Amino acid sequence: MKAFLAWLVTLGPFGLFLIATLDSTGIPIPGVVDTLLVVIANRTPALGYFCAFLATVGSLIGSMILFMIARKGGQRYLEEATSGERGRKFRRWFSHYGLITVFVPSLSVIPMPLKAFVACSGVLGIRPLYFALAILAGRIPRYFFLAWLGQEMGDHAGEWIKAHTLHFGLGLAALGLVLLMLVRLGNKESEVIDTGSPSASASR
């Protein structure tokens, strides 16, 4: 596997696209996409944002593949993908927070679990369009930010990210909290509208 990855790295932008696709299908390749994107953006700045685009498209394709596998695999696949106490915890999180659990790990430059939440999305009836939009909403700013960081800081980009890990964590937590509040507010408004609708009144 290491030799195969090393060969993909030699392919440059196209290799980055393939690695991003494989990584998002659930094959564990932690950190390689981010690192390779930063390196290419530093060595060839003109390709930085193009590579960010390729990484985004590859990640979307890989995520949709895993999403559809989970969708067809059904409950049995979900049980396998989320086995163990940690997996069950992820399922509970998804049942409470929905696609927020997909968006936040997609956005985070700090490694966070995503496969279990993709599996939950596929099995539990999330619409493919909504799922794809959640992935894109996270991947686009993440990868374009990393491309910019590679262009500006080069070899020091990784050190800069590590030095600001706490800031990233706090920012993601705050963003997740805001999104959760918005979702709950939207659910409450929907309940009020449903309760006040003529059909609801007639059924009482």
Protein backbone atom coordinates (compact mmCIF):
# COMPACT_ATOMS: atom_id res chain seq x y z
CA MET A 1 0.00 0.00 0.00
CA LYS A 2 2.85 2.40 0.85
CA ALA A 3 4.49 1.75 -2.52
CA PHE A 4 1.18 2.38 -4.28
CA LEU A 5 0.68 5.66 -2.42
CA ALA A 6 4.25 6.70 -3.20
CA TRP A 7 3.54 6.07 -6.88
CA LEU A 8 0.35 8.12 -6.74
CA VAL A 9 2.27 11.00 -5.15
CA THR A 10 4.60 11.04 -8.18
CA LEU A 11 1.57 11.71 -10.40
CA GLY A 12 1.16 15.19 -8.91
CA PRO A 13 -2.32 16.74 -9.20
CA PHE A 14 -3.85 13.61 -10.74
CA GLY A 15 -2.37 11.51 -7.95
CA LEU A 16 -3.83 13.92 -5.41
CA PHE A 17 -7.25 13.45 -7.01
CA LEU A 18 -6.97 9.65 -6.78
CA ILE A 19 -5.74 9.73 -3.17
CA ALA A 20 -8.59 12.06 -2.17
CA THR A 21 -11.06 9.68 -3.81
CA LEU A 22 -9.62 6.60 -2.09
CA ASP A 23 -9.39 8.35 1.27
CA SER A 24 -13.06 9.32 1.18
CA THR A 25 -14.22 5.82 0.29
CA GLY A 26 -13.07 4.74 3.74
CA ILE A 27 -9.55 3.52 2.93
CA PRO A 28 -7.46 4.91 5.79
CA ILE A 29 -4.90 7.37 4.38
CA PRO A 30 -4.77 9.91 7.22
CA GLY A 31 -3.26 13.29 6.44
CA VAL A 32 -1.88 12.43 3.00
CA VAL A 33 -4.35 14.57 1.01
CA ASP A 34 -3.77 17.66 3.15
CA THR A 35 0.01 17.25 3.16
CA LEU A 36 0.29 16.61 -0.58
CA LEU A 37 -1.96 19.56 -1.36
CA VAL A 38 0.21 21.90 0.73
CA VAL A 39 3.40 20.56 -0.87
CA ILE A 40 2.16 20.96 -4.45
CA ALA A 41 0.78 24.44 -3.72
CA ASN A 42 4.17 25.44 -2.32
CA ARG A 43 6.30 23.97 -5.09
CA THR A 44 3.98 25.02 -7.93
CA PRO A 45 1.83 27.93 -6.69
CA ALA A 46 0.04 28.23 -10.04
CA LEU A 47 -1.43 24.74 -9.48
CA GLY A 48 -2.49 25.32 -5.87
CA TYR A 49 -6.15 26.18 -6.33
CA PHE A 50 -6.52 23.73 -9.22
CA CYS A 51 -5.28 20.98 -6.90
CA ALA A 52 -7.72 22.16 -4.22
CA PHE A 53 -10.48 21.75 -6.81
CA LEU A 54 -9.27 18.25 -7.71
CA ALA A 55 -9.06 17.26 -4.04
CA THR A 56 -12.62 18.51 -3.49
CA VAL A 57 -14.01 16.62 -6.48
CA GLY A 58 -12.11 13.46 -5.53
CA SER A 59 -13.35 13.65 -1.96
CA LEU A 60 -16.93 14.17 -3.13
CA ILE A 61 -16.74 11.17 -5.48
CA GLY A 62 -15.23 8.93 -2.80
CA SER A 63 -17.76 10.06 -0.21
CA MET A 64 -20.66 9.41 -2.59
CA ILE A 65 -19.29 5.92 -3.33
CA LEU A 66 -19.19 5.11 0.38
CA PHE A 67 -22.61 6.73 0.85
CA MET A 68 -24.17 4.55 -1.87
CA ILE A 69 -22.45 1.38 -0.57
CA ALA A 70 -23.93 2.08 2.86
CA ARG A 71 -27.31 2.86 1.31
CA LYS A 72 -27.41 -0.50 -0.49
CA GLY A 73 -25.85 -2.40 2.41
CA GLY A 74 -28.62 -1.32 4.75
CA GLN A 75 -28.77 -1.87 8.47
CA ARG A 76 -26.32 -4.76 8.39
CA TYR A 77 -23.63 -2.57 6.84
CA LEU A 78 -24.33 0.12 9.42
CA GLU A 79 -23.88 -2.37 12.25
CA GLU A 80 -20.52 -3.43 10.81
CA ALA A 81 -19.32 0.11 10.13
CA THR A 82 -20.27 1.37 13.59
CA SER A 83 -19.48 -1.67 15.71
CA GLY A 84 -18.02 -1.18 19.16
CA GLU A 85 -18.73 1.42 21.80
CA ARG A 86 -17.16 4.22 19.78
CA GLY A 87 -19.22 3.35 16.71
CA ARG A 88 -22.43 3.27 18.73
CA LYS A 89 -21.54 6.69 20.14
CA PHE A 90 -21.14 8.03 16.60
CA ARG A 91 -24.57 6.67 15.67
CA ARG A 92 -26.12 8.45 18.65
CA TRP A 93 -24.40 11.66 17.62
CA PHE A 94 -25.74 11.34 14.08
CA SER A 95 -29.27 10.70 15.34
CA HIS A 96 -29.06 13.92 17.39
CA TYR A 97 -27.09 16.22 15.09
CA GLY A 98 -27.66 14.86 11.57
CA LEU A 99 -25.48 16.21 8.76
CA ILE A 100 -23.62 18.50 11.15
CA THR A 101 -21.61 15.35 12.02
CA VAL A 102 -20.63 15.11 8.33
CA PHE A 103 -19.94 18.79 7.75
CA VAL A 104 -17.66 19.45 10.73
CA PRO A 105 -15.18 16.57 10.08
CA SER A 106 -15.19 17.46 6.37
CA LEU A 107 -14.16 20.99 7.24
CA SER A 108 -11.66 20.23 9.98
CA VAL A 109 -7.92 20.20 9.26
CA ILE A 110 -7.63 18.35 12.58
CA PRO A 111 -8.16 14.60 11.92
CA MET A 112 -11.72 13.63 12.86
CA PRO A 113 -13.76 10.45 12.16
CA LEU A 114 -16.04 10.64 9.14
CA LYS A 115 -16.66 7.11 7.81
CA ALA A 116 -19.26 6.20 10.46
CA PHE A 117 -21.23 9.37 9.81
CA VAL A 118 -21.18 8.77 6.06
CA ALA A 119 -22.50 5.26 6.69
CA CYS A 120 -25.27 6.64 8.91
CA SER A 121 -26.19 9.14 6.19
CA GLY A 122 -26.50 6.42 3.59
CA VAL A 123 -28.45 3.91 5.66
CA LEU A 124 -30.75 6.29 7.51
CA GLY A 125 -32.32 7.90 4.46
CA ILE A 126 -30.48 11.21 4.02
CA ARG A 127 -31.05 12.58 0.52
CA PRO A 128 -27.95 12.26 -1.68
CA LEU A 129 -28.11 15.94 -2.66
CA TYR A 130 -28.15 17.10 0.97
CA PHE A 131 -25.28 14.77 1.79
CA ALA A 132 -23.23 16.00 -1.19
CA LEU A 133 -23.83 19.62 -0.21
CA ALA A 134 -22.64 18.90 3.36
CA ILE A 135 -19.42 17.38 1.99
CA LEU A 136 -18.83 20.28 -0.39
CA ALA A 137 -19.58 22.86 2.31
CA GLY A 138 -16.76 21.37 4.36
CA ARG A 139 -14.23 20.37 1.72
CA ILE A 140 -14.22 23.55 -0.40
CA PRO A 141 -13.07 25.96 2.35
CA ARG A 142 -10.74 23.33 3.84
CA TYR A 143 -8.84 22.47 0.69
CA PHE A 144 -8.70 26.00 -0.71
CA PHE A 145 -7.44 27.24 2.65
CA LEU A 146 -4.71 24.56 2.63
CA ALA A 147 -3.74 25.53 -0.93
CA TRP A 148 -3.42 29.16 0.15
CA LEU A 149 -1.47 28.11 3.24
CA GLY A 150 0.91 26.08 1.11
CA GLN A 151 1.49 29.02 -1.22
CA GLU A 152 2.11 31.42 1.65
CA MET A 153 3.97 29.30 4.22
CA GLY A 154 5.30 26.29 2.38
CA ASP A 155 7.18 23.83 4.59
CA HIS A 156 6.08 25.70 7.71
CA ALA A 157 2.37 25.10 7.03
CA GLY A 158 2.25 21.89 9.07
CA GLU A 159 3.94 23.56 12.03
CA TRP A 160 1.51 26.48 11.81
CA ILE A 161 -1.49 24.13 11.86
CA LYS A 162 -0.12 22.25 14.89
CA ALA A 163 0.54 25.52 16.71
CA HIS A 164 -3.08 26.58 16.14
CA THR A 165 -4.75 23.23 16.86
CA LEU A 166 -6.52 24.62 19.92
CA HIS A 167 -7.85 27.57 17.94
CA PHE A 168 -9.15 25.28 15.20
CA GLY A 169 -10.79 23.04 17.79
CA LEU A 170 -12.51 25.93 19.55
CA GLY A 171 -13.63 27.41 16.24
CA LEU A 172 -15.13 24.12 15.08
CA ALA A 173 -16.88 23.62 18.42
CA ALA A 174 -18.38 27.11 18.21
CA LEU A 175 -19.45 26.57 14.60
CA GLY A 176 -21.02 23.22 15.45
CA LEU A 177 -22.92 24.80 18.34
CA VAL A 178 -24.25 27.60 16.13
CA LEU A 179 -25.36 25.12 13.47
CA LEU A 180 -27.04 22.94 16.07
CA MET A 181 -28.96 25.94 17.44
CA LEU A 182 -30.05 26.90 13.92
CA VAL A 183 -31.24 23.35 13.18
CA ARG A 184 -33.21 23.18 16.43
CA LEU A 185 -34.69 26.62 15.79
CA GLY A 186 -35.74 25.50 12.32
CA ASN A 187 -37.32 22.34 13.73
CA LYS A 188 -39.28 24.35 16.29
CA GLU A 189 -40.57 26.73 13.61
CA SER A 190 -41.63 23.74 11.49
CA GLU A 191 -43.50 22.29 14.44
CA VAL A 192 -45.30 25.62 15.00
CA ILE A 193 -46.28 25.83 11.32
CA ASP A 194 -47.50 22.21 11.30
CA THR A 195 -49.49 22.76 14.48
CA GLY A 196 -51.14 25.89 13.11
CA SER A 197 -51.95 24.49 9.66
CA PRO A 198 -55.63 23.98 8.69
CA SER A 199 -55.14 20.25 8.30
CA ALA A 200 -53.69 20.00 11.79
CA SER A 201 -56.57 22.02 13.21
CA ALA A 202 -59.16 19.91 11.40
CA SER A 203 -57.69 16.73 12.77
CA ARG A 204 -58.20 17.83 16.38
